[in-house]
Amino acid sequence: MRASTASAASTADHSDPAAWARFARTILLVLAGMLAASAVLTILVLWRAGEFMSVADRVAYQKRTGALYRSASRDDIMDPAFRFAIYDLEKPSIVAIGSSRVLQFRADEFTKPFTNMGMSFAITLLPRWAALMTGPGHRLEHVIVGIDHWQIAPYGRRLPSLSNWTPSGSESGFARRARRTAWHGLAFIKATLGLFATGRVSFLDAAQILCRCGPNGAGPDLGIAAIIDGSGIDAAGSYYYDWVHESGVARPPFHDTLGRVKAGNQGFERHDAADPRILGLIREAVTLFREQGVATTLFVPPMAPRVADAMRASGGYAFLQQAVDTLRKDGLRVHDFHDIRNLGGSDCEFADGMHGGEVAYMRMLRYMAADDPAGLGSLVDRARLDDLIARHAGRANAADAPRRGDKSRTRQDYWNLGCGATP
């Protein structure tokens, strides 16, 4: 009798809707509290990391402290709007513009104010950017333009009309802007919370960033990626790859880029000729700059030598040299640095298969300056370049000791290429 009574009571308890509702509310409250705490922690960490600073405040801080900046929750440093904000703020005399493959030019290599505008680069926008950069109040004297092979490849369709493009975007209408803002806000929150969920940022990292103390928080850098990894842009917009000093590489050197060359995809598609319409836009941009008294130097950024060899062996990238020859015939100053060995460089001076490091870009700048002594040459500190190249040949970074990061970054041969002794 007692057993049946206990069984009935147990059944009644498990089937009690009110009890289940209380249990569900408790679980939901706990989960909501955890989510709210995570959101508050995330916002505080981002604030302490300087990710909410305006561009003007951030640049001013970087100039005072030498800090780098890079967010881990969004790729804002490659956004054209971000780059134009720095350009409008600084009004430089010299600019490097192009994709991520121009980001290694440094302000201290020049004798006048310099801004690096390496970004998510659409070469079809170059004439429009030329018009914006030479607007009222500009102080621009010289523009260095990087041209990648995938940018001049056949477009395959009608070129977009971009004459009305602005750095803030071309969308119009309050509702559309509101939707865009809301979408980016949700994406930002999702990406930020994902930093903790994936272990990209540990709670120890978060604590050190909050107190700005310890190995990961005491330095001046801004943005979670710059603080944790030691990679980011300086006040002039140039990128530092210091994190690569500790990269452990188990696969063959430059495997990703070489795989793209072999497959002929992801920007390494093979073609018979460059798109003449794109070459026409380059001429148009150079003309616009010239009409405003701004000189231009065009160059083809380098691939790591073993990648350049693979591209040559494939036989599908001769259109790059053809495009250089065509532009030269039109009277444009164009340098082909596709193979850095022509300037004494090597695989050891690359951060990856398609991004040269500081020394490789110093070699190119020194060559361009010597070729144009009265123009670009008068704006470049050639003595400094000679000294740094001589002391750091065969390295990606021109530094006697690592400058950023949360760990001991002393390894130079991070691609296991046999690049010499570790200092």
Foldseek 3Di string as FASTA:
>chain_A
DVVVVVVVVVVCVVPPPVNVVVVVVVVVVVVVVVVVVLLVLLVLLQVLLVVPDDLVVVLVLLVVAVAFEDAQLDGVLQQQLSQVVLCVVQLWQEEEEEALQVQLDDQVQWPTGYAYHHHPDQLLCLQLVLDVQLDPPHNYAEYEYADELLNQADPPDDDDDCNPADSVGDDDDPVVVVVVVVVVVVSSSVSSSVCDVVVVADVVLSVCSSVQDDLQRVGSYHHNCCSAQVWGAGSRSHTDPLSLLPAADPDAAQVVLLVCCVVCDDSNNFDDATHVVSLVSVVSSQVSCVVSNYHYAYEHREFAQVSLVSNVVVVRRCNVVVSQVVVVVVVHHYYYCHDLVVLVAHNLQASGGRHGANLSVLSVLLVVLVVPVVGSVNTGPNVVSVVQNVVDGSFNYSDPARDGHSDRRQHTPSNPPCSDDTD
